C-alpha atoms as a PDB file:
ATOM      1  CA  MET A   1      25.202   2.779   8.360  1.00  0.00           C
ATOM      2  CA  THR A   2      24.747   3.161   4.620  1.00  0.00           C
ATOM      3  CA  ALA A   3      21.443   4.684   3.568  1.00  0.00           C
ATOM      4  CA  ILE A   4      19.241   2.898   1.040  1.00  0.00           C
ATOM      5  CA  PRO A   5      17.632   5.330  -1.444  1.00  0.00           C
ATOM      6  CA  LEU A   6      14.644   3.021  -2.103  1.00  0.00           C
ATOM      7  CA  GLY A   7      13.885  -0.105  -0.145  1.00  0.00           C
ATOM      8  CA  VAL A   8      11.232  -2.637  -1.185  1.00  0.00           C
ATOM      9  CA  LEU A   9      10.240  -4.810   1.759  1.00  0.00           C
ATOM     10  CA  ASP A  10      10.146  -8.525   0.966  1.00  0.00           C
ATOM     11  CA  THR A  11       7.115  -9.661   2.973  1.00  0.00           C
ATOM     12  CA  GLY A  12       7.376 -13.214   1.666  1.00  0.00           C
ATOM     13  CA  SER A  13       4.062 -12.994  -0.197  1.00  0.00           C
ATOM     14  CA  ALA A  14       4.344 -10.183  -2.717  1.00  0.00           C
ATOM     15  CA  ASN A  15       4.699  -9.843  -6.462  1.00  0.00           C
ATOM     16  CA  LEU A  16       8.023  -8.069  -6.202  1.00  0.00           C
ATOM     17  CA  ALA A  17       9.044  -8.313  -9.860  1.00  0.00           C
ATOM     18  CA  SER A  18       6.469  -5.808 -11.157  1.00  0.00           C
ATOM     19  CA  VAL A  19       7.202  -3.325  -8.357  1.00  0.00           C
ATOM     20  CA  LEU A  20      10.955  -3.484  -8.923  1.00  0.00           C
ATOM     21  CA  ALA A  21      10.488  -3.155 -12.690  1.00  0.00           C
ATOM     22  CA  ALA A  22       8.253  -0.094 -12.346  1.00  0.00           C
ATOM     23  CA  PHE A  23      10.896   1.823 -10.409  1.00  0.00           C
ATOM     24  CA  ARG A  24      13.694   0.691 -12.683  1.00  0.00           C
ATOM     25  CA  ARG A  25      11.757   2.190 -15.597  1.00  0.00           C
ATOM     26  CA  MET A  26      11.929   5.475 -13.671  1.00  0.00           C
ATOM     27  CA  GLY A  27      15.714   5.196 -13.507  1.00  0.00           C
ATOM     28  CA  VAL A  28      15.653   4.230  -9.827  1.00  0.00           C
ATOM     29  CA  SER A  29      17.595   1.266  -8.419  1.00  0.00           C
ATOM     30  CA  PRO A  30      15.424  -0.357  -5.721  1.00  0.00           C
ATOM     31  CA  CYS A  31      16.931  -2.588  -3.060  1.00  0.00           C
ATOM     32  CA  LEU A  32      15.106  -5.534  -1.490  1.00  0.00           C
ATOM     33  CA  VAL A  33      15.086  -5.263   2.304  1.00  0.00           C
ATOM     34  CA  ARG A  34      14.379  -8.200   4.596  1.00  0.00           C
ATOM     35  CA  ASP A  35      14.924  -6.980   8.151  1.00  0.00           C
ATOM     36  CA  ALA A  36      14.129  -4.093  10.474  1.00  0.00           C
ATOM     37  CA  ASP A  37      17.619  -2.593  10.256  1.00  0.00           C
ATOM     38  CA  ALA A  38      17.515  -2.261   6.470  1.00  0.00           C
ATOM     39  CA  LEU A  39      13.931  -1.002   6.687  1.00  0.00           C
ATOM     40  CA  ARG A  40      15.052   1.835   8.943  1.00  0.00           C
ATOM     41  CA  ARG A  41      17.954   2.715   6.622  1.00  0.00           C
ATOM     42  CA  ALA A  42      15.692   3.115   3.583  1.00  0.00           C
ATOM     43  CA  ASP A  43      15.109   6.751   2.661  1.00  0.00           C
ATOM     44  CA  ARG A  44      11.930   5.700   0.836  1.00  0.00           C
ATOM     45  CA  LEU A  45      10.173   2.403   1.506  1.00  0.00           C
ATOM     46  CA  VAL A  46       7.678   0.357  -0.512  1.00  0.00           C
ATOM     47  CA  LEU A  47       5.454  -2.128   1.330  1.00  0.00           C
ATOM     48  CA  PRO A  48       3.970  -4.371  -1.370  1.00  0.00           C
ATOM     49  CA  GLY A  49       1.549  -7.207  -0.768  1.00  0.00           C
ATOM     50  CA  VAL A  50      -0.120 -10.037  -2.616  1.00  0.00           C
ATOM     51  CA  GLY A  51      -1.536 -12.940  -0.666  1.00  0.00           C
ATOM     52  CA  ALA A  52      -3.191 -13.418   2.722  1.00  0.00           C
ATOM     53  CA  PHE A  53      -3.465 -10.893   5.562  1.00  0.00           C
ATOM     54  CA  GLY A  54      -2.528 -13.372   8.291  1.00  0.00           C
ATOM     55  CA  ALA A  55       0.528 -14.681   6.460  1.00  0.00           C
ATOM     56  CA  VAL A  56       1.869 -11.201   5.745  1.00  0.00           C
ATOM     57  CA  MET A  57       1.414 -10.058   9.353  1.00  0.00           C
ATOM     58  CA  ALA A  58       3.154 -13.202  10.582  1.00  0.00           C
ATOM     59  CA  ASN A  59       6.065 -12.569   8.216  1.00  0.00           C
ATOM     60  CA  LEU A  60       6.328  -8.925   9.296  1.00  0.00           C
ATOM     61  CA  ARG A  61       6.552  -9.968  12.918  1.00  0.00           C
ATOM     62  CA  THR A  62       9.045 -12.755  12.163  1.00  0.00           C
ATOM     63  CA  LEU A  63      11.245 -10.237  10.336  1.00  0.00           C
ATOM     64  CA  GLY A  64      10.949  -7.811  13.239  1.00  0.00           C
ATOM     65  CA  ALA A  65       9.508  -5.352  10.736  1.00  0.00           C
ATOM     66  CA  ALA A  66       6.084  -4.655  12.269  1.00  0.00           C
ATOM     67  CA  ASP A  67       7.372  -2.316  14.986  1.00  0.00           C
ATOM     68  CA  ALA A  68       9.867  -0.685  12.622  1.00  0.00           C
ATOM     69  CA  LEU A  69       7.088  -0.010  10.106  1.00  0.00           C
ATOM     70  CA  THR A  70       4.851   1.527  12.759  1.00  0.00           C
ATOM     71  CA  GLU A  71       7.755   3.681  13.948  1.00  0.00           C
ATOM     72  CA  ARG A  72       8.475   4.808  10.393  1.00  0.00           C
ATOM     73  CA  ILE A  73       4.878   5.783   9.674  1.00  0.00           C
ATOM     74  CA  THR A  74       4.451   7.550  13.014  1.00  0.00           C
ATOM     75  CA  ASN A  75       7.567   9.600  12.273  1.00  0.00           C
ATOM     76  CA  GLY A  76       6.235  10.637   8.850  1.00  0.00           C
ATOM     77  CA  ARG A  77       8.977   8.984   6.818  1.00  0.00           C
ATOM     78  CA  PRO A  78       8.301   8.244   3.111  1.00  0.00           C
ATOM     79  CA  LEU A  79       6.239   5.113   2.515  1.00  0.00           C
ATOM     80  CA  LEU A  80       4.315   3.575  -0.369  1.00  0.00           C
ATOM     81  CA  ALA A  81       2.012   0.698   0.633  1.00  0.00           C
ATOM     82  CA  ILE A  82       0.375  -1.353  -2.122  1.00  0.00           C
ATOM     83  CA  CYS A  83      -2.684  -3.663  -2.077  1.00  0.00           C
ATOM     84  CA  LEU A  84      -2.295  -6.011   0.904  1.00  0.00           C
ATOM     85  CA  GLY A  85       0.440  -3.659   2.111  1.00  0.00           C
ATOM     86  CA  PHE A  86      -2.342  -1.067   2.416  1.00  0.00           C
ATOM     87  CA  GLN A  87      -4.698  -3.447   4.238  1.00  0.00           C
ATOM     88  CA  VAL A  88      -2.193  -4.390   6.957  1.00  0.00           C
ATOM     89  CA  LEU A  89      -2.130  -0.730   8.014  1.00  0.00           C
ATOM     90  CA  GLY A  90      -5.632  -1.262   9.430  1.00  0.00           C
ATOM     91  CA  VAL A  91      -6.601  -2.628  12.835  1.00  0.00           C
ATOM     92  CA  ALA A  92      -7.614  -6.036  11.517  1.00  0.00           C
ATOM     93  CA  SER A  93      -9.145  -7.869   8.563  1.00  0.00           C
ATOM     94  CA  ALA A  94     -12.204 -10.058   8.139  1.00  0.00           C
ATOM     95  CA  GLU A  95      -9.888 -12.335   6.152  1.00  0.00           C
ATOM     96  CA  ALA A  96      -7.977 -13.343   9.293  1.00  0.00           C
ATOM     97  CA  PRO A  97     -10.108 -12.999  12.454  1.00  0.00           C
ATOM     98  CA  GLY A  98      -7.998 -12.579  15.571  1.00  0.00           C
ATOM     99  CA  VAL A  99      -4.911 -11.348  13.696  1.00  0.00           C
ATOM    100  CA  ALA A 100      -4.011  -7.739  14.520  1.00  0.00           C
ATOM    101  CA  GLY A 101      -2.854  -5.341  11.833  1.00  0.00           C
ATOM    102  CA  LEU A 102      -0.469  -2.439  12.392  1.00  0.00           C
ATOM    103  CA  GLY A 103      -3.296  -0.159  13.549  1.00  0.00           C
ATOM    104  CA  ILE A 104      -2.249   2.912  11.561  1.00  0.00           C
ATOM    105  CA  PHE A 105      -5.822   3.226  10.284  1.00  0.00           C
ATOM    106  CA  GLY A 106      -8.734   2.700  12.673  1.00  0.00           C
ATOM    107  CA  GLY A 107     -10.782   0.589  10.265  1.00  0.00           C
ATOM    108  CA  VAL A 108     -11.225  -3.149   9.810  1.00  0.00           C
ATOM    109  CA  THR A 109     -10.896  -4.496   6.273  1.00  0.00           C
ATOM    110  CA  GLN A 110     -14.154  -6.087   5.078  1.00  0.00           C
ATOM    111  CA  ARG A 111     -14.976  -8.598   2.338  1.00  0.00           C
ATOM    112  CA  TYR A 112     -16.872  -7.330  -0.695  1.00  0.00           C
ATOM    113  CA  PRO A 113     -20.569  -8.285  -0.725  1.00  0.00           C
ATOM    114  CA  ALA A 114     -21.658 -11.457  -2.489  1.00  0.00           C
ATOM    115  CA  SER A 115     -23.596  -9.346  -4.998  1.00  0.00           C
ATOM    116  CA  VAL A 116     -20.386  -8.421  -6.884  1.00  0.00           C
ATOM    117  CA  ARG A 117     -17.555 -10.418  -8.393  1.00  0.00           C
ATOM    118  CA  VAL A 118     -14.923 -11.359  -5.829  1.00  0.00           C
ATOM    119  CA  PRO A 119     -12.088 -10.791  -6.189  1.00  0.00           C
ATOM    120  CA  GLN A 120     -12.319  -7.440  -7.883  1.00  0.00           C
ATOM    121  CA  LEU A 121      -9.880  -8.034 -10.721  1.00  0.00           C
ATOM    122  CA  GLY A 122      -9.311  -5.363 -13.337  1.00  0.00           C
ATOM    123  CA  TRP A 123      -9.617  -1.639 -13.911  1.00  0.00           C
ATOM    124  CA  ASN A 124     -11.695   0.732 -11.831  1.00  0.00           C
ATOM    125  CA  SER A 125     -12.143   4.491 -11.620  1.00  0.00           C
ATOM    126  CA  VAL A 126     -10.340   6.324  -8.794  1.00  0.00           C
ATOM    127  CA  THR A 127     -11.646   9.655  -7.487  1.00  0.00           C
ATOM    128  CA  PRO A 128      -9.498  11.681  -5.060  1.00  0.00           C
ATOM    129  CA  THR A 129     -10.961  14.117  -2.547  1.00  0.00           C
ATOM    130  CA  ARG A 130      -8.157  16.664  -3.022  1.00  0.00           C
ATOM    131  CA  ALA A 131      -6.950  18.249  -6.243  1.00  0.00           C
ATOM    132  CA  ASP A 132      -3.258  18.612  -5.369  1.00  0.00           C
ATOM    133  CA  GLY A 133      -2.539  15.129  -4.060  1.00  0.00           C
ATOM    134  CA  VAL A 134      -0.311  12.390  -5.390  1.00  0.00           C
ATOM    135  CA  VAL A 135      -3.420  10.517  -6.540  1.00  0.00           C
ATOM    136  CA  GLN A 136      -5.135  12.139  -9.501  1.00  0.00           C
ATOM    137  CA  PRO A 137      -8.438  11.094 -11.141  1.00  0.00           C
ATOM    138  CA  GLY A 138      -8.035   8.105 -13.415  1.00  0.00           C
ATOM    139  CA  HIS A 139      -8.276   4.349 -13.750  1.00  0.00           C
ATOM    140  CA  ALA A 140      -6.198   1.900 -11.753  1.00  0.00           C
ATOM    141  CA  PHE A 141      -5.727  -1.852 -11.741  1.00  0.00           C
ATOM    142  CA  PHE A 142      -7.165  -3.652  -8.708  1.00  0.00           C
ATOM    143  CA  ALA A 143      -6.852  -7.250  -7.499  1.00  0.00           C
ATOM    144  CA  ASN A 144      -8.579  -7.533  -4.132  1.00  0.00           C
ATOM    145  CA  SER A 145     -11.338  -9.329  -2.261  1.00  0.00           C
ATOM    146  CA  TYR A 146     -11.307  -7.060   0.801  1.00  0.00           C
ATOM    147  CA  TYR A 147     -11.642  -3.316   1.248  1.00  0.00           C
ATOM    148  CA  LEU A 148     -11.452  -0.499   3.781  1.00  0.00           C
ATOM    149  CA  ASP A 149     -14.601   1.627   3.926  1.00  0.00           C
ATOM    150  CA  ALA A 150     -13.129   4.769   5.528  1.00  0.00           C
ATOM    151  CA  ALA A 151      -9.766   6.432   6.129  1.00  0.00           C
ATOM    152  CA  ASP A 152      -8.680   8.303   9.231  1.00  0.00           C
ATOM    153  CA  ASP A 153      -9.178  12.076   9.232  1.00  0.00           C
ATOM    154  CA  ALA A 154      -5.429  12.761   9.143  1.00  0.00           C
ATOM    155  CA  TRP A 155      -5.229  11.112   5.716  1.00  0.00           C
ATOM    156  CA  SER A 156      -6.659  12.350   2.408  1.00  0.00           C
ATOM    157  CA  ALA A 157      -8.679   9.590   0.805  1.00  0.00           C
ATOM    158  CA  SER A 158      -9.411   8.613  -2.775  1.00  0.00           C
ATOM    159  CA  TYR A 159     -12.415   6.407  -3.463  1.00  0.00           C
ATOM    160  CA  ALA A 160     -13.678   3.792  -5.894  1.00  0.00           C
ATOM    161  CA  GLU A 161     -16.806   1.645  -6.071  1.00  0.00           C
ATOM    162  CA  HIS A 162     -17.259  -2.101  -6.391  1.00  0.00           C
ATOM    163  CA  GLY A 163     -20.640  -2.968  -4.951  1.00  0.00           C
ATOM    164  CA  VAL A 164     -19.805  -0.520  -2.157  1.00  0.00           C
ATOM    165  CA  ARG A 165     -17.809   2.706  -1.950  1.00  0.00           C
ATOM    166  CA  PHE A 166     -14.347   1.946  -0.610  1.00  0.00           C
ATOM    167  CA  VAL A 167     -11.003   3.614   0.013  1.00  0.00           C
ATOM    168  CA  ALA A 168      -8.850   3.270  -3.090  1.00  0.00           C
ATOM    169  CA  ALA A 169      -5.943   5.193  -1.551  1.00  0.00           C
ATOM    170  CA  ALA A 170      -5.007   7.321   1.444  1.00  0.00           C
ATOM    171  CA  GLU A 171      -2.166   9.830   1.556  1.00  0.00           C
ATOM    172  CA  ARG A 172      -0.483  12.042   4.110  1.00  0.00           C
ATOM    173  CA  GLY A 173       2.610  14.012   3.177  1.00  0.00           C
ATOM    174  CA  SER A 174       5.149  11.609   1.677  1.00  0.00           C
ATOM    175  CA  GLN A 175       3.126   8.575   2.744  1.00  0.00           C
ATOM    176  CA  LEU A 176       0.765   6.909   0.285  1.00  0.00           C
ATOM    177  CA  ALA A 177      -1.243   3.715   0.737  1.00  0.00           C
ATOM    178  CA  CYS A 178      -2.985   2.265  -2.343  1.00  0.00           C
ATOM    179  CA  GLN A 179      -5.509  -0.547  -2.561  1.00  0.00           C
ATOM    180  CA  PHE A 180      -4.773  -0.669  -6.283  1.00  0.00           C
ATOM    181  CA  HIS A 181      -1.522  -1.617  -8.013  1.00  0.00           C
ATOM    182  CA  PRO A 182       0.145   1.527  -9.425  1.00  0.00           C
ATOM    183  CA  GLU A 183       2.927  -0.609 -10.884  1.00  0.00           C
ATOM    184  CA  LEU A 184       0.316  -2.375 -13.064  1.00  0.00           C
ATOM    185  CA  SER A 185      -1.748   0.711 -13.903  1.00  0.00           C
ATOM    186  CA  GLY A 186      -0.093   1.820 -17.135  1.00  0.00           C
ATOM    187  CA  ARG A 187       0.863   5.437 -17.759  1.00  0.00           C
ATOM    188  CA  TRP A 188      -1.487   6.686 -15.041  1.00  0.00           C
ATOM    189  CA  GLY A 189       0.218   4.459 -12.484  1.00  0.00           C
ATOM    190  CA  ALA A 190       3.696   5.388 -13.693  1.00  0.00           C
ATOM    191  CA  ALA A 191       2.850   9.084 -13.326  1.00  0.00           C
ATOM    192  CA  LEU A 192       1.546   8.442  -9.803  1.00  0.00           C
ATOM    193  CA  LEU A 193       4.770   6.682  -8.811  1.00  0.00           C
ATOM    194  CA  GLN A 194       6.766   9.618 -10.172  1.00  0.00           C
ATOM    195  CA  ARG A 195       4.650  12.105  -8.201  1.00  0.00           C
ATOM    196  CA  TRP A 196       5.152  10.077  -5.028  1.00  0.00           C
ATOM    197  CA  TRP A 197       8.898   9.944  -5.662  1.00  0.00           C
ATOM    198  CA  ASP A 198       9.027  13.696  -6.231  1.00  0.00           C
ATOM    199  CA  ARG A 199       6.856  14.392  -3.173  1.00  0.00           C
ATOM    200  CA  CYS A 200       9.346  12.500  -1.025  1.00  0.00           C
END
């Protein structure tokens, strides 16, 4: 089987154009993948997401990609999860009661409190807990109504605040999950994507 240097999983509810464009600006030629076989053949994989938790999980299961994603993450293979792609790594989401996530993280995604603007839409400060990670201090672009309040111990977390302190990103080796959109985060986001690429 032919390897795919960079696969971008088409979940059926993602803003793929900006993700593809960001990697093309790096001189990388991403390939859209739409099934478990292609997902497994991707050397590096991007799991983007814009939309609803329940719809994305249903699409992942229809594509046969849910088990392949879990297998990939468990085996430590390179992954970049973005926005809703980050949230589906959790156990579940308050957005879709009764719908199971992939269970990579132990937490349940919660809705922001009514005291702040929902969705969070715009720039916010990101603070990592480690100095040598892919995520460096800076400002990222967010577009989300739900958040994860804690990351598992095996992952290094970065945090932001929007009414509550929440996980802005979690990384482990060549795997990075971002609540924010690095592809929309200007030079800071472009540098982060390059660091992830190099880390892989």
